[in-house]
Amino acid sequence: MKSKNFKSTDAKTLSFFDKLSNEWWDEEGSFRALHSYNLIRLNFIKNKIAKSSLKNLRILDIGCGGGILCEPLTRLGAIVTGIDTNEKAIRVAKNHANEKNLKITYKNLELEQIKNEKFDIITCMEVLEHVDDVANVISLSQKLLTKNGYFFGSTINKSLSSYFLALLVAENILKLVPKGTHEWRKLLRPNHLKKLFLQNNFHDFQIKGVLYNPFKNKWRYSNNTKINYIFSVSNS
């Protein structure tokens, strides 16, 4: 996720997630909401490609963290590679996959370091709002996708609703995620994101709103995209 003058994840973000490295697989810890989010994310992917199985599809998960999404993708038959710039997260992911006897390729590297590989699907869930140069991530991803391959992502809208609920309430009042997890300046409006994809030869940008119930720890689809949203886009 970097060019000669670009590094996708700054030292502050890396340090922040370093402190959470032991919580990736604690389903009642800091990543509780992410674990429950998997049901929606997997459903969205399967509905888009119109398959219940992902057998033999090559998938790259950008910003895989401790492997929360990589493991269910693998169980659905996909050939999964997970990358993350956080060394501790990759170590956790490898250890957990070994414990579960799952064959997943994990790499501690930047996106641009992947050479001579092609993927049918790229996933980038809850990552883009932590990246400084989103356009560069999209450009690099386009080169790694097969023709008509899919890019799936989820992120947070930049709106008054998200500022109040996703930042102030979630982090400071309900403490659903650690304070400082998100930065307002990095949140992404859907129209801006769509423009970046279209500029990089993607098409068919599809978006769906998702809402989280913190008391039931459940996610559901919604027509409201002002807070969290999930999206797909196809490589031309």
Protein backbone atom coordinates (compact mmCIF):
# COMPACT_ATOMS: atom_id res chain seq x y z
CA MET A 1 0.00 0.00 0.00
CA LYS A 2 2.82 2.41 -0.67
CA SER A 3 4.72 3.97 -3.50
CA LYS A 4 8.25 5.33 -3.20
CA ASN A 5 6.98 8.17 -1.06
CA PHE A 6 3.97 6.53 0.46
CA LYS A 7 3.42 4.33 3.47
CA SER A 8 -0.14 3.12 3.98
CA THR A 9 -0.10 2.92 7.75
CA ASP A 10 1.54 5.60 9.87
CA ALA A 11 3.45 4.89 13.08
CA LYS A 12 0.58 6.16 15.24
CA THR A 13 -1.90 3.67 13.73
CA LEU A 14 0.56 0.78 13.92
CA SER A 15 1.24 1.54 17.58
CA PHE A 16 -2.49 1.76 18.30
CA PHE A 17 -3.18 -1.71 16.87
CA ASP A 18 -0.03 -3.13 18.46
CA LYS A 19 -1.66 -2.53 21.83
CA LEU A 20 -4.71 -4.54 20.75
CA SER A 21 -2.78 -7.49 19.29
CA ASN A 22 -3.80 -9.89 22.05
CA GLU A 23 -7.51 -9.17 21.58
CA TRP A 24 -8.06 -10.23 17.96
CA TRP A 25 -9.75 -13.51 18.88
CA ASP A 26 -11.46 -12.34 22.05
CA GLU A 27 -15.07 -12.24 20.84
CA GLU A 28 -16.06 -10.14 23.85
CA GLY A 29 -13.14 -7.74 23.57
CA SER A 30 -12.27 -4.74 21.42
CA PHE A 31 -13.07 -6.61 18.20
CA ARG A 32 -16.45 -7.92 19.37
CA ALA A 33 -18.37 -5.94 16.73
CA LEU A 34 -16.05 -7.10 13.95
CA HIS A 35 -16.66 -10.75 14.79
CA SER A 36 -20.43 -10.30 14.56
CA TYR A 37 -19.99 -8.22 11.37
CA ASN A 38 -18.67 -11.31 9.58
CA LEU A 39 -22.19 -12.66 9.00
CA ILE A 40 -23.17 -9.59 6.98
CA ARG A 41 -19.86 -9.37 5.17
CA LEU A 42 -19.89 -13.01 4.07
CA ASN A 43 -23.54 -12.78 3.05
CA PHE A 44 -22.83 -9.68 0.96
CA ILE A 45 -19.94 -11.38 -0.85
CA LYS A 46 -21.85 -14.60 -1.57
CA ASN A 47 -24.92 -12.72 -2.81
CA LYS A 48 -22.84 -10.61 -5.19
CA ILE A 49 -21.02 -13.52 -6.80
CA ALA A 50 -24.20 -15.65 -6.63
CA LYS A 51 -22.45 -18.61 -5.02
CA SER A 52 -22.84 -20.33 -1.67
CA SER A 53 -19.32 -21.70 -1.94
CA LEU A 54 -16.12 -19.81 -2.65
CA LYS A 55 -14.29 -23.00 -3.62
CA ASN A 56 -10.94 -22.37 -5.32
CA LEU A 57 -11.50 -18.62 -5.66
CA ARG A 58 -8.28 -16.74 -4.96
CA ILE A 59 -8.93 -14.04 -2.38
CA LEU A 60 -6.63 -11.32 -1.04
CA ASP A 61 -7.68 -9.74 2.25
CA ILE A 62 -6.02 -6.34 2.65
CA GLY A 63 -5.49 -5.31 6.26
CA CYS A 64 -6.40 -8.77 7.52
CA GLY A 65 -5.48 -8.07 11.14
CA GLY A 66 -5.68 -11.26 13.18
CA GLY A 67 -7.51 -13.13 10.42
CA ILE A 68 -11.11 -12.60 11.51
CA LEU A 69 -12.39 -12.59 7.91
CA CYS A 70 -9.72 -14.84 6.38
CA GLU A 71 -10.74 -17.89 8.40
CA PRO A 72 -14.43 -18.07 7.37
CA LEU A 73 -13.47 -17.32 3.76
CA THR A 74 -11.13 -20.30 3.89
CA ARG A 75 -13.82 -22.52 5.39
CA LEU A 76 -16.01 -21.62 2.41
CA GLY A 77 -13.37 -23.09 0.11
CA ALA A 78 -11.42 -19.99 -0.94
CA ILE A 79 -7.64 -19.88 -1.35
CA VAL A 80 -6.88 -16.97 0.95
CA THR A 81 -3.93 -14.64 1.34
CA GLY A 82 -4.07 -12.10 4.15
CA ILE A 83 -1.71 -9.14 4.34
CA ASP A 84 -1.20 -6.54 7.04
CA THR A 85 1.47 -4.00 7.89
CA ASN A 86 1.14 -4.89 11.57
CA GLU A 87 3.64 -7.64 12.38
CA LYS A 88 2.00 -8.61 15.67
CA ALA A 89 -1.40 -9.05 14.01
CA ILE A 90 0.10 -11.34 11.37
CA ARG A 91 1.76 -13.41 14.09
CA VAL A 92 -1.60 -13.79 15.86
CA ALA A 93 -3.31 -14.71 12.57
CA LYS A 94 -0.75 -17.40 11.76
CA ASN A 95 -0.92 -18.94 15.21
CA HIS A 96 -4.71 -19.03 15.25
CA ALA A 97 -4.92 -20.55 11.77
CA ASN A 98 -2.45 -23.26 12.83
CA GLU A 99 -4.55 -24.01 15.92
CA LYS A 100 -7.61 -24.45 13.68
CA ASN A 101 -5.71 -26.44 11.02
CA LEU A 102 -6.55 -23.87 8.36
CA LYS A 103 -4.27 -23.30 5.38
CA ILE A 104 -4.02 -19.53 4.96
CA THR A 105 -1.11 -17.52 3.59
CA TYR A 106 -0.35 -14.57 5.85
CA LYS A 107 2.22 -11.93 4.96
CA ASN A 108 3.49 -8.91 6.85
CA LEU A 109 3.94 -6.49 3.96
CA GLU A 110 2.60 -3.53 2.00
CA LEU A 111 0.20 -4.04 -0.89
CA GLU A 112 2.70 -2.89 -3.50
CA GLN A 113 5.09 -5.66 -2.47
CA ILE A 114 2.82 -8.31 -3.96
CA LYS A 115 4.22 -9.20 -7.38
CA ASN A 116 3.15 -11.53 -10.19
CA GLU A 117 -0.07 -12.65 -8.50
CA LYS A 118 -3.70 -12.35 -9.52
CA PHE A 119 -6.81 -12.65 -7.37
CA ASP A 120 -10.47 -13.24 -8.18
CA ILE A 121 -11.60 -11.22 -5.18
CA ILE A 122 -9.99 -8.57 -3.00
CA THR A 123 -11.51 -7.73 0.38
CA CYS A 124 -10.67 -4.62 2.35
CA MET A 125 -12.98 -4.47 5.34
CA GLU A 126 -12.81 -1.69 7.93
CA VAL A 127 -9.43 -0.67 6.57
CA LEU A 128 -9.78 2.23 4.14
CA GLU A 129 -10.69 4.64 6.94
CA HIS A 130 -7.24 3.98 8.43
CA VAL A 131 -5.32 4.59 5.18
CA ASP A 132 -3.72 7.88 4.18
CA ASP A 133 -3.78 7.33 0.38
CA VAL A 134 -6.95 5.45 -0.53
CA ALA A 135 -6.51 6.15 -4.25
CA ASN A 136 -3.18 4.33 -4.22
CA VAL A 137 -4.72 1.26 -2.57
CA ILE A 138 -7.43 1.20 -5.25
CA SER A 139 -4.93 1.61 -8.09
CA LEU A 140 -2.70 -1.18 -6.79
CA SER A 141 -5.70 -3.46 -6.21
CA GLN A 142 -6.93 -2.99 -9.77
CA LYS A 143 -3.65 -4.39 -11.08
CA LEU A 144 -3.92 -7.47 -8.86
CA LEU A 145 -7.50 -8.38 -9.78
CA THR A 146 -8.46 -10.70 -12.61
CA LYS A 147 -10.69 -9.25 -15.31
CA ASN A 148 -14.23 -8.94 -13.92
CA GLY A 149 -12.89 -9.70 -10.46
CA TYR A 150 -14.51 -8.08 -7.43
CA PHE A 151 -13.30 -5.66 -4.78
CA PHE A 152 -15.37 -5.77 -1.58
CA GLY A 153 -15.03 -3.24 1.19
CA SER A 154 -16.73 -1.82 4.24
CA THR A 155 -16.05 1.50 5.88
CA ILE A 156 -17.60 4.51 7.64
CA ASN A 157 -19.27 7.45 5.93
CA LYS A 158 -18.11 10.98 6.65
CA SER A 159 -21.35 12.52 7.91
CA LEU A 160 -22.75 14.23 10.97
CA SER A 161 -24.47 10.96 11.91
CA SER A 162 -21.23 9.00 11.82
CA TYR A 163 -19.36 11.71 13.73
CA PHE A 164 -21.91 11.52 16.52
CA LEU A 165 -22.58 7.76 16.59
CA ALA A 166 -19.40 6.10 15.28
CA LEU A 167 -16.93 8.44 16.95
CA LEU A 168 -18.44 10.21 19.94
CA VAL A 169 -20.94 7.61 21.15
CA ALA A 170 -19.20 4.37 20.09
CA GLU A 171 -15.75 5.37 21.33
CA ASN A 172 -16.43 7.69 24.25
CA ILE A 173 -19.77 6.69 25.72
CA LEU A 174 -20.54 3.05 24.88
CA LYS A 175 -16.83 2.24 24.47
CA LEU A 176 -17.60 -0.28 21.72
CA VAL A 177 -14.13 0.30 20.32
CA PRO A 178 -11.09 1.90 21.96
CA LYS A 179 -10.95 5.68 21.94
CA GLY A 180 -8.95 6.91 18.97
CA THR A 181 -9.79 3.99 16.70
CA HIS A 182 -11.10 6.32 14.01
CA GLU A 183 -10.06 9.75 12.75
CA TRP A 184 -12.71 12.05 11.32
CA ARG A 185 -10.44 13.31 8.53
CA LYS A 186 -10.00 9.77 7.15
CA LEU A 187 -13.68 8.81 6.93
CA LEU A 188 -15.00 8.33 3.40
CA ARG A 189 -18.12 9.60 1.68
CA PRO A 190 -19.53 7.00 -0.75
CA ASN A 191 -19.56 9.38 -3.73
CA HIS A 192 -15.90 10.20 -3.22
CA LEU A 193 -15.02 6.51 -2.96
CA LYS A 194 -17.06 5.71 -6.08
CA LYS A 195 -15.20 8.41 -8.02
CA LEU A 196 -11.83 6.95 -7.03
CA PHE A 197 -12.85 3.48 -8.23
CA LEU A 198 -14.24 4.75 -11.53
CA GLN A 199 -11.01 6.66 -12.14
CA ASN A 200 -9.15 3.36 -11.81
CA ASN A 201 -11.18 1.38 -14.39
CA PHE A 202 -13.64 -0.22 -11.98
CA HIS A 203 -17.37 -0.24 -12.63
CA ASP A 204 -20.73 -1.25 -11.13
CA PHE A 205 -20.20 0.37 -7.72
CA GLN A 206 -22.86 -1.12 -5.43
CA ILE A 207 -23.44 0.09 -1.88
CA LYS A 208 -25.55 -1.08 1.03
CA GLY A 209 -25.99 0.56 4.41
CA VAL A 210 -25.46 -1.49 7.57
CA LEU A 211 -26.51 -0.72 11.12
CA TYR A 212 -25.11 -2.13 14.35
CA ASN A 213 -27.11 -2.87 17.49
CA PRO A 214 -24.53 -2.73 20.31
CA PHE A 215 -26.91 -4.17 22.88
CA LYS A 216 -27.58 -7.32 20.85
CA ASN A 217 -24.17 -7.29 19.11
CA LYS A 218 -25.90 -7.76 15.76
CA TRP A 219 -25.66 -6.10 12.35
CA ARG A 220 -28.38 -5.71 9.74
CA TYR A 221 -28.73 -4.26 6.26
CA SER A 222 -30.27 -0.82 5.98
CA ASN A 223 -31.12 1.79 3.37
CA ASN A 224 -29.28 4.25 5.60
CA THR A 225 -25.68 4.69 4.43
CA LYS A 226 -24.92 7.70 6.62
CA ILE A 227 -22.92 5.69 9.16
CA ASN A 228 -21.54 2.29 8.13
CA TYR A 229 -21.74 0.91 4.63
CA ILE A 230 -20.50 -2.10 2.68
CA PHE A 231 -19.79 -1.99 -1.06
CA SER A 232 -18.67 -3.96 -4.08
CA VAL A 233 -17.13 -2.93 -7.36
CA SER A 234 -16.07 -4.92 -10.42
CA ASN A 235 -12.78 -4.73 -12.31
CA SER A 236 -13.28 -3.83 -15.99
